[in-house]
C-alpha atoms as a PDB file:
ATOM      1  CA  MET A   1      77.391 207.037-110.141  1.00  0.00           C
ATOM      2  CA  TRP A   2      74.828 205.439-107.953  1.00  0.00           C
ATOM      3  CA  GLY A   3      75.017 202.019-110.155  1.00  0.00           C
ATOM      4  CA  LEU A   4      78.981 202.070-109.489  1.00  0.00           C
ATOM      5  CA  PHE A   5      78.000 202.386-105.613  1.00  0.00           C
ATOM      6  CA  TRP A   6      75.416 199.676-105.740  1.00  0.00           C
ATOM      7  CA  HIS A   7      78.113 197.404-107.645  1.00  0.00           C
ATOM      8  CA  TYR A   8      80.683 197.900-104.784  1.00  0.00           C
ATOM      9  CA  LEU A   9      78.112 197.246-102.112  1.00  0.00           C
ATOM     10  CA  VAL A  10      77.131 193.930-103.798  1.00  0.00           C
ATOM     11  CA  LEU A  11      80.953 192.900-103.997  1.00  0.00           C
ATOM     12  CA  CYS A  12      81.609 193.786-100.404  1.00  0.00           C
ATOM     13  CA  LEU A  13      78.523 191.523 -99.352  1.00  0.00           C
ATOM     14  CA  PHE A  14      79.631 189.016-101.422  1.00  0.00           C
ATOM     15  CA  PHE A  15      83.135 188.795 -99.923  1.00  0.00           C
ATOM     16  CA  LEU A  16      82.027 189.096 -96.319  1.00  0.00           C
ATOM     17  CA  PHE A  17      79.450 186.409 -96.873  1.00  0.00           C
ATOM     18  CA  PHE A  18      82.120 184.200 -98.372  1.00  0.00           C
ATOM     19  CA  HIS A  19      84.657 185.120 -95.403  1.00  0.00           C
ATOM     20  CA  LEU A  20      82.237 184.167 -93.140  1.00  0.00           C
ATOM     21  CA  GLN A  21      81.792 180.655 -94.805  1.00  0.00           C
ATOM     22  CA  VAL A  22      85.608 180.139 -94.623  1.00  0.00           C
ATOM     23  CA  ILE A  23      85.694 180.985 -90.890  1.00  0.00           C
ATOM     24  CA  CYS A  24      82.723 178.806 -89.876  1.00  0.00           C
ATOM     25  CA  SER A  25      84.029 175.920 -92.112  1.00  0.00           C
ATOM     26  CA  SER A  26      87.353 176.199 -90.194  1.00  0.00           C
ATOM     27  CA  SER A  27      86.160 176.504 -86.766  1.00  0.00           C
ATOM     28  CA  PHE A  28      83.895 173.337 -87.727  1.00  0.00           C
ATOM     29  CA  ASN A  29      86.876 171.244 -88.920  1.00  0.00           C
ATOM     30  CA  SER A  30      89.080 172.423 -86.344  1.00  0.00           C
ATOM     31  CA  SER A  31      86.457 171.278 -83.394  1.00  0.00           C
ATOM     32  CA  SER A  32      85.329 167.919 -84.971  1.00  0.00           C
ATOM     33  CA  PRO A  33      88.680 166.251 -84.333  1.00  0.00           C
ATOM     34  CA  LEU A  34      88.042 166.933 -80.449  1.00  0.00           C
ATOM     35  CA  GLN A  35      84.893 165.067 -80.529  1.00  0.00           C
ATOM     36  CA  LYS A  36      86.383 161.818 -79.562  1.00  0.00           C
ATOM     37  CA  PHE A  37      84.559 158.619 -79.126  1.00  0.00           C
ATOM     38  CA  CYS A  38      85.129 156.094 -76.425  1.00  0.00           C
ATOM     39  CA  SER A  39      87.897 153.735 -77.689  1.00  0.00           C
ATOM     40  CA  PRO A  40      87.089 149.975 -78.287  1.00  0.00           C
ATOM     41  CA  GLU A  41      89.267 148.912 -75.519  1.00  0.00           C
ATOM     42  CA  GLN A  42      87.100 150.868 -72.886  1.00  0.00           C
ATOM     43  CA  SER A  43      83.941 149.973 -74.433  1.00  0.00           C
ATOM     44  CA  SER A  44      85.214 146.271 -74.133  1.00  0.00           C
ATOM     45  CA  ALA A  45      86.315 146.672 -70.357  1.00  0.00           C
ATOM     46  CA  LEU A  46      83.021 148.189 -69.425  1.00  0.00           C
ATOM     47  CA  LEU A  47      80.995 145.448 -71.033  1.00  0.00           C
ATOM     48  CA  ARG A  48      83.471 142.712 -69.771  1.00  0.00           C
ATOM     49  CA  PHE A  49      83.083 144.325 -66.168  1.00  0.00           C
ATOM     50  CA  LYS A  50      78.994 144.134 -66.456  1.00  0.00           C
ATOM     51  CA  ASN A  51      78.969 140.831 -67.434  1.00  0.00           C
ATOM     52  CA  THR A  52      80.835 139.543 -64.242  1.00  0.00           C
ATOM     53  CA  PHE A  53      77.772 140.424 -62.503  1.00  0.00           C
ATOM     54  CA  SER A  54      74.188 139.141 -62.273  1.00  0.00           C
ATOM     55  CA  ILE A  55      72.069 142.320 -62.591  1.00  0.00           C
ATOM     56  CA  SER A  56      68.752 143.396 -61.618  1.00  0.00           C
ATOM     57  CA  SER A  57      66.383 144.062 -64.768  1.00  0.00           C
ATOM     58  CA  PHE A  58      66.060 147.753 -64.036  1.00  0.00           C
ATOM     59  CA  SER A  59      69.496 148.468 -64.053  1.00  0.00           C
ATOM     60  CA  MET A  60      70.874 151.310 -65.950  1.00  0.00           C
ATOM     61  CA  THR A  61      73.495 149.011 -67.616  1.00  0.00           C
ATOM     62  CA  ASN A  62      70.696 148.020 -69.906  1.00  0.00           C
ATOM     63  CA  SER A  63      72.030 151.031 -72.248  1.00  0.00           C
ATOM     64  CA  TRP A  64      75.246 149.393 -72.449  1.00  0.00           C
ATOM     65  CA  LYS A  65      75.221 147.899 -75.924  1.00  0.00           C
ATOM     66  CA  GLU A  66      77.943 146.931 -78.674  1.00  0.00           C
ATOM     67  CA  GLY A  67      77.826 149.318 -81.599  1.00  0.00           C
ATOM     68  CA  ILE A  68      76.590 152.342 -79.329  1.00  0.00           C
ATOM     69  CA  ASP A  69      79.473 154.733 -78.242  1.00  0.00           C
ATOM     70  CA  CYS A  70      80.094 153.830 -74.584  1.00  0.00           C
ATOM     71  CA  CYS A  71      80.201 157.858 -73.896  1.00  0.00           C
ATOM     72  CA  ASN A  72      76.482 157.659 -74.504  1.00  0.00           C
ATOM     73  CA  TRP A  73      75.868 154.867 -71.985  1.00  0.00           C
ATOM     74  CA  ASP A  74      73.987 155.650 -68.951  1.00  0.00           C
ATOM     75  CA  GLY A  75      76.252 156.308 -65.961  1.00  0.00           C
ATOM     76  CA  VAL A  76      79.468 156.711 -68.206  1.00  0.00           C
ATOM     77  CA  THR A  77      81.393 159.999 -68.459  1.00  0.00           C
ATOM     78  CA  CYS A  78      83.834 160.733 -71.086  1.00  0.00           C
ATOM     79  CA  ASP A  79      86.438 163.483 -71.582  1.00  0.00           C
ATOM     80  CA  ARG A  80      84.886 165.120 -74.626  1.00  0.00           C
ATOM     81  CA  PHE A  81      88.715 166.031 -75.820  1.00  0.00           C
ATOM     82  CA  THR A  82      90.069 162.414 -75.491  1.00  0.00           C
ATOM     83  CA  GLY A  83      87.109 160.115 -75.303  1.00  0.00           C
ATOM     84  CA  HIS A  84      88.723 158.421 -72.065  1.00  0.00           C
ATOM     85  CA  VAL A  85      86.294 157.464 -69.509  1.00  0.00           C
ATOM     86  CA  ILE A  86      86.740 159.623 -66.631  1.00  0.00           C
ATOM     87  CA  GLY A  87      83.418 158.903 -64.525  1.00  0.00           C
ATOM     88  CA  LEU A  88      81.721 155.872 -63.712  1.00  0.00           C
ATOM     89  CA  ASP A  89      78.289 155.976 -61.676  1.00  0.00           C
ATOM     90  CA  LEU A  90      76.805 152.452 -61.102  1.00  0.00           C
ATOM     91  CA  SER A  91      75.290 153.328 -57.701  1.00  0.00           C
ATOM     92  CA  SER A  92      72.007 151.215 -57.136  1.00  0.00           C
ATOM     93  CA  CYS A  93      72.315 149.237 -60.180  1.00  0.00           C
ATOM     94  CA  GLY A  94      71.786 146.027 -58.572  1.00  0.00           C
ATOM     95  CA  LEU A  95      75.152 144.476 -59.310  1.00  0.00           C
ATOM     96  CA  ILE A  96      75.757 141.039 -57.304  1.00  0.00           C
ATOM     97  CA  GLY A  97      78.948 139.033 -57.311  1.00  0.00           C
ATOM     98  CA  PRO A  98      82.359 139.947 -56.480  1.00  0.00           C
ATOM     99  CA  ILE A  99      85.032 142.511 -57.751  1.00  0.00           C
ATOM    100  CA  ASN A 100      88.393 140.678 -58.128  1.00  0.00           C
ATOM    101  CA  ASP A 101      91.843 141.598 -59.092  1.00  0.00           C
ATOM    102  CA  SER A 102      91.429 140.535 -62.464  1.00  0.00           C
ATOM    103  CA  SER A 103      88.456 142.834 -63.146  1.00  0.00           C
ATOM    104  CA  SER A 104      88.302 144.834 -66.280  1.00  0.00           C
ATOM    105  CA  LEU A 105      87.312 147.810 -64.094  1.00  0.00           C
ATOM    106  CA  PHE A 106      90.904 148.221 -63.609  1.00  0.00           C
ATOM    107  CA  HIS A 107      91.792 149.025 -67.402  1.00  0.00           C
ATOM    108  CA  LEU A 108      89.937 152.090 -67.135  1.00  0.00           C
ATOM    109  CA  HIS A 109      93.152 154.021 -66.000  1.00  0.00           C
ATOM    110  CA  HIS A 110      91.586 157.587 -66.520  1.00  0.00           C
ATOM    111  CA  LEU A 111      89.098 157.371 -64.218  1.00  0.00           C
ATOM    112  CA  GLN A 112      88.344 160.584 -61.858  1.00  0.00           C
ATOM    113  CA  LYS A 113      85.040 159.618 -60.373  1.00  0.00           C
ATOM    114  CA  LEU A 114      84.072 156.233 -59.386  1.00  0.00           C
ATOM    115  CA  ASN A 115      80.542 155.437 -57.512  1.00  0.00           C
ATOM    116  CA  LEU A 116      79.637 151.792 -56.841  1.00  0.00           C
ATOM    117  CA  ALA A 117      77.368 152.502 -54.009  1.00  0.00           C
ATOM    118  CA  TYR A 118      74.570 150.562 -53.090  1.00  0.00           C
ATOM    119  CA  ASN A 119      75.257 147.052 -54.892  1.00  0.00           C
ATOM    120  CA  ASN A 120      76.187 143.687 -53.322  1.00  0.00           C
ATOM    121  CA  PHE A 121      79.760 142.927 -53.996  1.00  0.00           C
ATOM    122  CA  VAL A 122      79.708 139.625 -51.727  1.00  0.00           C
ATOM    123  CA  PRO A 123      82.105 137.652 -51.319  1.00  0.00           C
ATOM    124  CA  SER A 124      84.661 140.472 -52.199  1.00  0.00           C
ATOM    125  CA  ASN A 125      87.593 142.497 -50.406  1.00  0.00           C
ATOM    126  CA  ILE A 126      88.318 145.766 -51.504  1.00  0.00           C
ATOM    127  CA  SER A 127      90.889 144.925 -54.080  1.00  0.00           C
ATOM    128  CA  PRO A 128      94.146 146.614 -53.993  1.00  0.00           C
ATOM    129  CA  ARG A 129      94.063 147.705 -57.581  1.00  0.00           C
ATOM    130  CA  PHE A 130      91.600 150.225 -56.556  1.00  0.00           C
ATOM    131  CA  GLY A 131      94.831 152.137 -55.766  1.00  0.00           C
ATOM    132  CA  GLN A 132      95.984 152.056 -59.311  1.00  0.00           C
ATOM    133  CA  PHE A 133      93.228 154.938 -60.166  1.00  0.00           C
ATOM    134  CA  ALA A 134      95.877 157.616 -59.726  1.00  0.00           C
ATOM    135  CA  LYS A 135      93.384 160.402 -61.102  1.00  0.00           C
ATOM    136  CA  LEU A 136      90.716 159.794 -58.814  1.00  0.00           C
ATOM    137  CA  THR A 137      89.132 162.320 -56.983  1.00  0.00           C
ATOM    138  CA  HIS A 138      86.099 160.915 -55.802  1.00  0.00           C
ATOM    139  CA  LEU A 139      85.473 157.031 -54.901  1.00  0.00           C
ATOM    140  CA  ASN A 140      82.292 155.811 -53.285  1.00  0.00           C
ATOM    141  CA  LEU A 141      81.950 152.430 -52.327  1.00  0.00           C
ATOM    142  CA  SER A 142      79.419 152.541 -49.392  1.00  0.00           C
ATOM    143  CA  SER A 143      76.871 150.167 -48.619  1.00  0.00           C
ATOM    144  CA  SER A 144      78.216 147.287 -51.129  1.00  0.00           C
ATOM    145  CA  ASN A 145      79.068 144.627 -48.789  1.00  0.00           C
ATOM    146  CA  PHE A 146      82.688 144.518 -49.147  1.00  0.00           C
ATOM    147  CA  TYR A 147      84.694 142.762 -45.960  1.00  0.00           C
ATOM    148  CA  GLY A 148      87.950 142.526 -44.667  1.00  0.00           C
ATOM    149  CA  PRO A 149      90.741 145.233 -44.043  1.00  0.00           C
ATOM    150  CA  VAL A 150      90.848 148.337 -46.285  1.00  0.00           C
ATOM    151  CA  PRO A 151      94.016 147.917 -48.409  1.00  0.00           C
ATOM    152  CA  THR A 152      96.777 150.674 -47.906  1.00  0.00           C
ATOM    153  CA  GLU A 153      97.028 151.069 -51.668  1.00  0.00           C
ATOM    154  CA  ILE A 154      93.709 153.129 -51.519  1.00  0.00           C
ATOM    155  CA  PHE A 155      95.386 155.682 -49.200  1.00  0.00           C
ATOM    156  CA  HIS A 156      97.786 156.280 -51.832  1.00  0.00           C
ATOM    157  CA  LEU A 157      95.149 158.132 -54.149  1.00  0.00           C
ATOM    158  CA  SER A 158      96.329 161.604 -53.323  1.00  0.00           C
ATOM    159  CA  LYS A 159      93.932 163.638 -55.339  1.00  0.00           C
ATOM    160  CA  LEU A 160      91.007 162.235 -53.415  1.00  0.00           C
ATOM    161  CA  VAL A 161      88.574 164.870 -52.366  1.00  0.00           C
ATOM    162  CA  LEU A 162      85.769 162.364 -51.506  1.00  0.00           C
ATOM    163  CA  LEU A 163      86.118 159.082 -49.710  1.00  0.00           C
ATOM    164  CA  ASN A 164      83.096 157.144 -48.770  1.00  0.00           C
ATOM    165  CA  LEU A 165      83.367 153.215 -47.491  1.00  0.00           C
ATOM    166  CA  SER A 166      80.468 153.725 -45.084  1.00  0.00           C
ATOM    167  CA  TYR A 167      78.104 150.805 -44.318  1.00  0.00           C
ATOM    168  CA  SER A 168      79.715 147.627 -45.316  1.00  0.00           C
ATOM    169  CA  THR A 169      79.844 146.724 -41.777  1.00  0.00           C
ATOM    170  CA  SER A 170      82.566 143.887 -41.986  1.00  0.00           C
ATOM    171  CA  LEU A 171      85.402 146.389 -43.295  1.00  0.00           C
ATOM    172  CA  GLU A 172      88.117 147.120 -41.026  1.00  0.00           C
ATOM    173  CA  LEU A 173      90.305 150.094 -41.187  1.00  0.00           C
ATOM    174  CA  ARG A 174      93.705 149.565 -38.869  1.00  0.00           C
ATOM    175  CA  GLN A 175      96.009 152.380 -37.460  1.00  0.00           C
ATOM    176  CA  HIS A 176      98.775 151.749 -40.214  1.00  0.00           C
ATOM    177  CA  GLY A 177      96.034 152.528 -42.976  1.00  0.00           C
ATOM    178  CA  PHE A 178      94.701 155.301 -41.321  1.00  0.00           C
ATOM    179  CA  LYS A 179      98.208 156.842 -41.131  1.00  0.00           C
ATOM    180  CA  LYS A 180      98.784 156.533 -44.740  1.00  0.00           C
ATOM    181  CA  LEU A 181      95.372 158.410 -45.137  1.00  0.00           C
ATOM    182  CA  LEU A 182      96.552 160.935 -43.157  1.00  0.00           C
ATOM    183  CA  GLN A 183     100.064 161.424 -44.636  1.00  0.00           C
ATOM    184  CA  ASN A 184      98.753 161.049 -48.530  1.00  0.00           C
ATOM    185  CA  MET A 185      95.300 162.353 -48.698  1.00  0.00           C
ATOM    186  CA  THR A 186      95.682 165.905 -48.037  1.00  0.00           C
ATOM    187  CA  GLU A 187      93.196 167.064 -50.600  1.00  0.00           C
ATOM    188  CA  LEU A 188      90.420 165.082 -48.780  1.00  0.00           C
ATOM    189  CA  ARG A 189      86.866 167.344 -48.296  1.00  0.00           C
ATOM    190  CA  TYR A 190      84.517 164.674 -47.532  1.00  0.00           C
ATOM    191  CA  LEU A 191      85.483 161.585 -45.311  1.00  0.00           C
ATOM    192  CA  HIS A 192      82.593 158.969 -44.700  1.00  0.00           C
ATOM    193  CA  LEU A 193      83.522 155.816 -42.696  1.00  0.00           C
ATOM    194  CA  ASP A 194      80.244 154.993 -41.099  1.00  0.00           C
ATOM    195  CA  PHE A 195      80.141 151.385 -39.334  1.00  0.00           C
ATOM    196  CA  VAL A 196      83.716 150.583 -40.631  1.00  0.00           C
ATOM    197  CA  ASN A 197      85.590 149.021 -37.745  1.00  0.00           C
ATOM    198  CA  MET A 198      88.457 151.332 -36.647  1.00  0.00           C
ATOM    199  CA  SER A 199      88.599 149.883 -33.001  1.00  0.00           C
ATOM    200  CA  SER A 200      92.479 149.933 -33.602  1.00  0.00           C
ATOM    201  CA  VAL A 201      92.662 153.494 -34.609  1.00  0.00           C
ATOM    202  CA  ALA A 202      93.629 156.314 -32.094  1.00  0.00           C
ATOM    203  CA  VAL A 203      90.842 158.782 -31.639  1.00  0.00           C
ATOM    204  CA  SER A 204      93.519 161.588 -31.211  1.00  0.00           C
ATOM    205  CA  SER A 205      94.701 160.696 -34.867  1.00  0.00           C
ATOM    206  CA  PHE A 206      91.608 162.776 -36.087  1.00  0.00           C
ATOM    207  CA  ALA A 207      93.056 166.023 -35.286  1.00  0.00           C
ATOM    208  CA  ASN A 208      95.757 165.362 -38.034  1.00  0.00           C
ATOM    209  CA  LEU A 209      93.110 165.421 -40.781  1.00  0.00           C
ATOM    210  CA  SER A 210      93.362 167.979 -43.412  1.00  0.00           C
ATOM    211  CA  SER A 211      91.729 171.350 -42.110  1.00  0.00           C
ATOM    212  CA  SER A 212      89.936 171.802 -45.238  1.00  0.00           C
ATOM    213  CA  LEU A 213      87.721 168.961 -44.364  1.00  0.00           C
ATOM    214  CA  ILE A 214      84.073 169.899 -44.889  1.00  0.00           C
ATOM    215  CA  SER A 215      82.287 166.694 -44.002  1.00  0.00           C
ATOM    216  CA  LEU A 216      83.348 163.932 -41.624  1.00  0.00           C
ATOM    217  CA  SER A 217      80.879 161.104 -40.929  1.00  0.00           C
ATOM    218  CA  LEU A 218      82.262 158.404 -38.403  1.00  0.00           C
ATOM    219  CA  ARG A 219      78.740 156.731 -37.195  1.00  0.00           C
ATOM    220  CA  SER A 220      79.585 153.553 -34.839  1.00  0.00           C
ATOM    221  CA  ILE A 221      83.289 152.610 -35.550  1.00  0.00           C
ATOM    222  CA  TYR A 222      83.951 151.258 -32.477  1.00  0.00           C
ATOM    223  CA  MET A 223      86.557 153.666 -31.279  1.00  0.00           C
ATOM    224  CA  GLN A 224      87.385 154.630 -27.865  1.00  0.00           C
ATOM    225  CA  GLY A 225      89.310 157.424 -26.391  1.00  0.00           C
ATOM    226  CA  MET A 226      89.099 161.586 -26.094  1.00  0.00           C
ATOM    227  CA  PHE A 227      87.967 163.195 -29.166  1.00  0.00           C
ATOM    228  CA  PRO A 228      90.078 166.088 -30.134  1.00  0.00           C
ATOM    229  CA  ASP A 229      88.214 169.157 -29.832  1.00  0.00           C
ATOM    230  CA  GLU A 230      90.295 171.067 -32.122  1.00  0.00           C
ATOM    231  CA  LEU A 231      88.551 169.278 -34.907  1.00  0.00           C
ATOM    232  CA  PHE A 232      85.297 171.204 -33.731  1.00  0.00           C
ATOM    233  CA  ARG A 233      87.190 174.434 -35.036  1.00  0.00           C
ATOM    234  CA  PHE A 234      88.350 173.152 -38.353  1.00  0.00           C
ATOM    235  CA  PRO A 235      87.344 176.464 -40.628  1.00  0.00           C
ATOM    236  CA  PHE A 236      85.411 174.774 -43.269  1.00  0.00           C
ATOM    237  CA  LEU A 237      83.621 171.605 -41.600  1.00  0.00           C
ATOM    238  CA  GLN A 238      79.939 171.535 -42.040  1.00  0.00           C
ATOM    239  CA  LEU A 239      78.899 168.339 -40.898  1.00  0.00           C
ATOM    240  CA  LEU A 240      80.468 166.265 -37.926  1.00  0.00           C
ATOM    241  CA  ARG A 241      78.805 163.032 -37.210  1.00  0.00           C
ATOM    242  CA  LEU A 242      79.822 160.685 -34.213  1.00  0.00           C
ATOM    243  CA  SER A 243      76.947 158.719 -33.324  1.00  0.00           C
ATOM    244  CA  ASP A 244      76.544 155.553 -31.797  1.00  0.00           C
ATOM    245  CA  ASN A 245      80.168 155.537 -30.274  1.00  0.00           C
ATOM    246  CA  GLN A 246      79.623 155.127 -26.601  1.00  0.00           C
ATOM    247  CA  ASN A 247      83.287 154.493 -25.932  1.00  0.00           C
ATOM    248  CA  ILE A 248      84.469 158.407 -27.377  1.00  0.00           C
ATOM    249  CA  THR A 249      84.425 160.789 -24.588  1.00  0.00           C
ATOM    250  CA  GLY A 250      84.871 164.601 -24.953  1.00  0.00           C
ATOM    251  CA  ASN A 251      83.444 168.088 -24.272  1.00  0.00           C
ATOM    252  CA  LEU A 252      82.203 170.933 -26.481  1.00  0.00           C
ATOM    253  CA  PRO A 253      84.611 173.600 -27.144  1.00  0.00           C
ATOM    254  CA  ASN A 254      84.061 177.269 -26.927  1.00  0.00           C
ATOM    255  CA  PHE A 255      82.573 178.167 -30.431  1.00  0.00           C
ATOM    256  CA  ASN A 256      83.067 181.482 -32.258  1.00  0.00           C
ATOM    257  CA  ARG A 257      80.881 182.907 -34.755  1.00  0.00           C
ATOM    258  CA  SER A 258      82.806 182.123 -37.912  1.00  0.00           C
ATOM    259  CA  ASN A 259      81.878 178.504 -37.243  1.00  0.00           C
ATOM    260  CA  PRO A 260      80.408 176.848 -40.249  1.00  0.00           C
ATOM    261  CA  LEU A 261      78.831 173.890 -38.671  1.00  0.00           C
ATOM    262  CA  LYS A 262      75.586 172.940 -40.158  1.00  0.00           C
ATOM    263  CA  LEU A 263      75.162 169.348 -38.773  1.00  0.00           C
ATOM    264  CA  LEU A 264      76.402 167.945 -35.356  1.00  0.00           C
ATOM    265  CA  ASP A 265      75.388 164.739 -34.236  1.00  0.00           C
ATOM    266  CA  LEU A 266      76.971 163.332 -31.045  1.00  0.00           C
ATOM    267  CA  SER A 267      74.179 161.067 -29.866  1.00  0.00           C
ATOM    268  CA  PHE A 268      74.773 157.841 -27.840  1.00  0.00           C
ATOM    269  CA  THR A 269      78.328 158.675 -27.277  1.00  0.00           C
ATOM    270  CA  ASN A 270      79.805 159.561 -23.897  1.00  0.00           C
ATOM    271  CA  PHE A 271      80.570 163.241 -24.594  1.00  0.00           C
ATOM    272  CA  SER A 272      79.924 165.260 -21.155  1.00  0.00           C
ATOM    273  CA  GLY A 273      80.056 168.458 -19.177  1.00  0.00           C
ATOM    274  CA  LYS A 274      78.117 171.640 -19.586  1.00  0.00           C
ATOM    275  CA  LEU A 275      76.135 173.165 -22.651  1.00  0.00           C
ATOM    276  CA  LEU A 276      78.285 176.494 -22.909  1.00  0.00           C
ATOM    277  CA  ASP A 277      76.262 179.596 -23.917  1.00  0.00           C
ATOM    278  CA  THR A 278      78.767 179.779 -27.020  1.00  0.00           C
ATOM    279  CA  ILE A 279      76.792 176.921 -28.912  1.00  0.00           C
ATOM    280  CA  SER A 280      74.443 179.928 -29.813  1.00  0.00           C
ATOM    281  CA  ASN A 281      77.510 181.137 -32.034  1.00  0.00           C
ATOM    282  CA  LEU A 282      76.749 178.224 -34.576  1.00  0.00           C
ATOM    283  CA  MET A 283      74.803 180.538 -36.381  1.00  0.00           C
ATOM    284  CA  HIS A 284      74.483 178.213 -39.758  1.00  0.00           C
ATOM    285  CA  LEU A 285      73.595 175.060 -37.397  1.00  0.00           C
ATOM    286  CA  ASN A 286      70.117 173.493 -38.689  1.00  0.00           C
ATOM    287  CA  ASP A 287      70.385 169.957 -37.220  1.00  0.00           C
ATOM    288  CA  LEU A 288      71.914 169.361 -33.494  1.00  0.00           C
ATOM    289  CA  ARG A 289      71.481 165.727 -31.854  1.00  0.00           C
ATOM    290  CA  LEU A 290      73.201 165.271 -28.486  1.00  0.00           C
ATOM    291  CA  GLY A 291      70.763 162.739 -27.341  1.00  0.00           C
ATOM    292  CA  GLY A 292      72.082 160.000 -24.982  1.00  0.00           C
ATOM    293  CA  CYS A 293      75.028 161.869 -23.917  1.00  0.00           C
ATOM    294  CA  LYS A 294      75.948 162.588 -20.690  1.00  0.00           C
ATOM    295  CA  PHE A 295      75.350 166.421 -20.645  1.00  0.00           C
ATOM    296  CA  GLU A 296      74.779 168.235 -17.492  1.00  0.00           C
ATOM    297  CA  GLY A 297      73.478 171.554 -15.978  1.00  0.00           C
ATOM    298  CA  SER A 298      71.189 173.959 -17.347  1.00  0.00           C
ATOM    299  CA  ILE A 299      70.087 174.382 -21.232  1.00  0.00           C
ATOM    300  CA  PRO A 300      71.315 177.661 -22.133  1.00  0.00           C
ATOM    301  CA  PRO A 301      68.569 180.490 -23.224  1.00  0.00           C
ATOM    302  CA  SER A 302      71.056 181.349 -25.658  1.00  0.00           C
ATOM    303  CA  LEU A 303      69.893 178.465 -28.042  1.00  0.00           C
ATOM    304  CA  GLU A 304      67.319 180.924 -29.093  1.00  0.00           C
ATOM    305  CA  ASN A 305      69.975 182.514 -31.441  1.00  0.00           C
ATOM    306  CA  LEU A 306      70.051 179.335 -33.383  1.00  0.00           C
ATOM    307  CA  THR A 307      67.693 180.524 -35.683  1.00  0.00           C
ATOM    308  CA  GLU A 308      68.428 178.375 -38.627  1.00  0.00           C
ATOM    309  CA  ILE A 309      67.765 175.227 -36.561  1.00  0.00           C
ATOM    310  CA  THR A 310      65.259 172.545 -37.890  1.00  0.00           C
ATOM    311  CA  LEU A 311      66.095 169.590 -35.454  1.00  0.00           C
ATOM    312  CA  LEU A 312      66.867 169.854 -31.567  1.00  0.00           C
ATOM    313  CA  ASP A 313      67.712 166.507 -29.760  1.00  0.00           C
ATOM    314  CA  LEU A 314      68.461 167.087 -26.090  1.00  0.00           C
ATOM    315  CA  SER A 315      67.034 163.942 -25.018  1.00  0.00           C
ATOM    316  CA  SER A 316      68.503 161.092 -22.152  1.00  0.00           C
ATOM    317  CA  ASN A 317      70.955 163.587 -20.689  1.00  0.00           C
ATOM    318  CA  ASP A 318      71.427 165.090 -17.528  1.00  0.00           C
ATOM    319  CA  PHE A 319      70.069 168.190 -17.625  1.00  0.00           C
ATOM    320  CA  THR A 320      68.485 170.072 -14.811  1.00  0.00           C
ATOM    321  CA  GLY A 321      66.436 173.223 -14.180  1.00  0.00           C
ATOM    322  CA  GLN A 322      63.877 174.539 -16.082  1.00  0.00           C
ATOM    323  CA  MET A 323      63.607 174.695 -19.832  1.00  0.00           C
ATOM    324  CA  PRO A 324      64.148 178.098 -21.176  1.00  0.00           C
ATOM    325  CA  THR A 325      61.007 179.690 -22.962  1.00  0.00           C
ATOM    326  CA  SER A 326      63.560 181.081 -25.593  1.00  0.00           C
ATOM    327  CA  ILE A 327      63.324 178.103 -27.209  1.00  0.00           C
ATOM    328  CA  SER A 328      59.652 178.967 -28.430  1.00  0.00           C
ATOM    329  CA  LYS A 329      61.649 181.716 -30.730  1.00  0.00           C
ATOM    330  CA  LEU A 330      63.175 178.931 -32.796  1.00  0.00           C
ATOM    331  CA  GLY A 331      60.851 179.322 -35.776  1.00  0.00           C
ATOM    332  CA  GLN A 332      62.457 177.063 -37.980  1.00  0.00           C
ATOM    333  CA  LEU A 333      62.023 174.269 -35.706  1.00  0.00           C
ATOM    334  CA  THR A 334      60.332 170.930 -36.800  1.00  0.00           C
ATOM    335  CA  GLY A 335      61.659 168.424 -34.677  1.00  0.00           C
ATOM    336  CA  LEU A 336      62.387 168.762 -30.878  1.00  0.00           C
ATOM    337  CA  ASN A 337      63.295 165.825 -28.447  1.00  0.00           C
ATOM    338  CA  LEU A 338      63.493 166.665 -24.730  1.00  0.00           C
ATOM    339  CA  GLY A 339      62.413 162.843 -23.698  1.00  0.00           C
ATOM    340  CA  ASP A 340      63.870 161.395 -20.662  1.00  0.00           C
END
């Protein structure tokens, strides 16, 4: 009887082992077709794009070689199910030369994230063909020496979450283009346009940006007019930088405790008025820069409630009266400027 029991047990274990092998083999075989490689067309497009530039000897594109799957190249991200190139990060790669309309970059139709920041694309306009990347969610062309008007085609990229065109000081964004941005880019969360010439854009237009905005940086954009105070109350806005715009005027609104601002930089603008007690409601604020403005009156003791603040710049204003001793309670403070 015991012999039959052990014989039966061995048979059960054998069939269980065989069944597990079948399952594992089936899983492996069904998943292996999903492990796609970069297509020859995409590899070729990337190599041709690389070869149009003179490149720093330490560039990450040194890993780009024929015979190696381009999904394994530095800076390249592929969709694991299709093999399509969906991400390209060539920031700070030492690329020197123009990106013209015939660039093989525009053959990468499946791109979702494109970062070409901190290169030198001189002499080069931003090609209207950037507007063909219909799936793009992130576009960073900052500090890359593009010049001329920003093509309106870019503002048809309705899926963009991040757009950064900062620090190409010869770029110009006109009112017509900004109107297209407002109409189509309703998913924007991060908009950085520092040093882009926006002198023809009405400052009041910014009130029409997506209320889901998280970060807005507009340093030295040559605009003039009254900045809309409702933008200060956008429910998700954590960073607002307007510095070095001496022709932008405005006043700080009454803030409530739900405001998520972490960085507020109005330095060297023409903001004026009093620093209201409600500024203490910015409970998440860690960087407040109001230097070089026209604020007046006393500095409110309620600043002591900004317990997260690390940098406070109130210099070069028209404040009067005593400095409140409550500032000594700001235990996280590492930078304080009260000059002039």
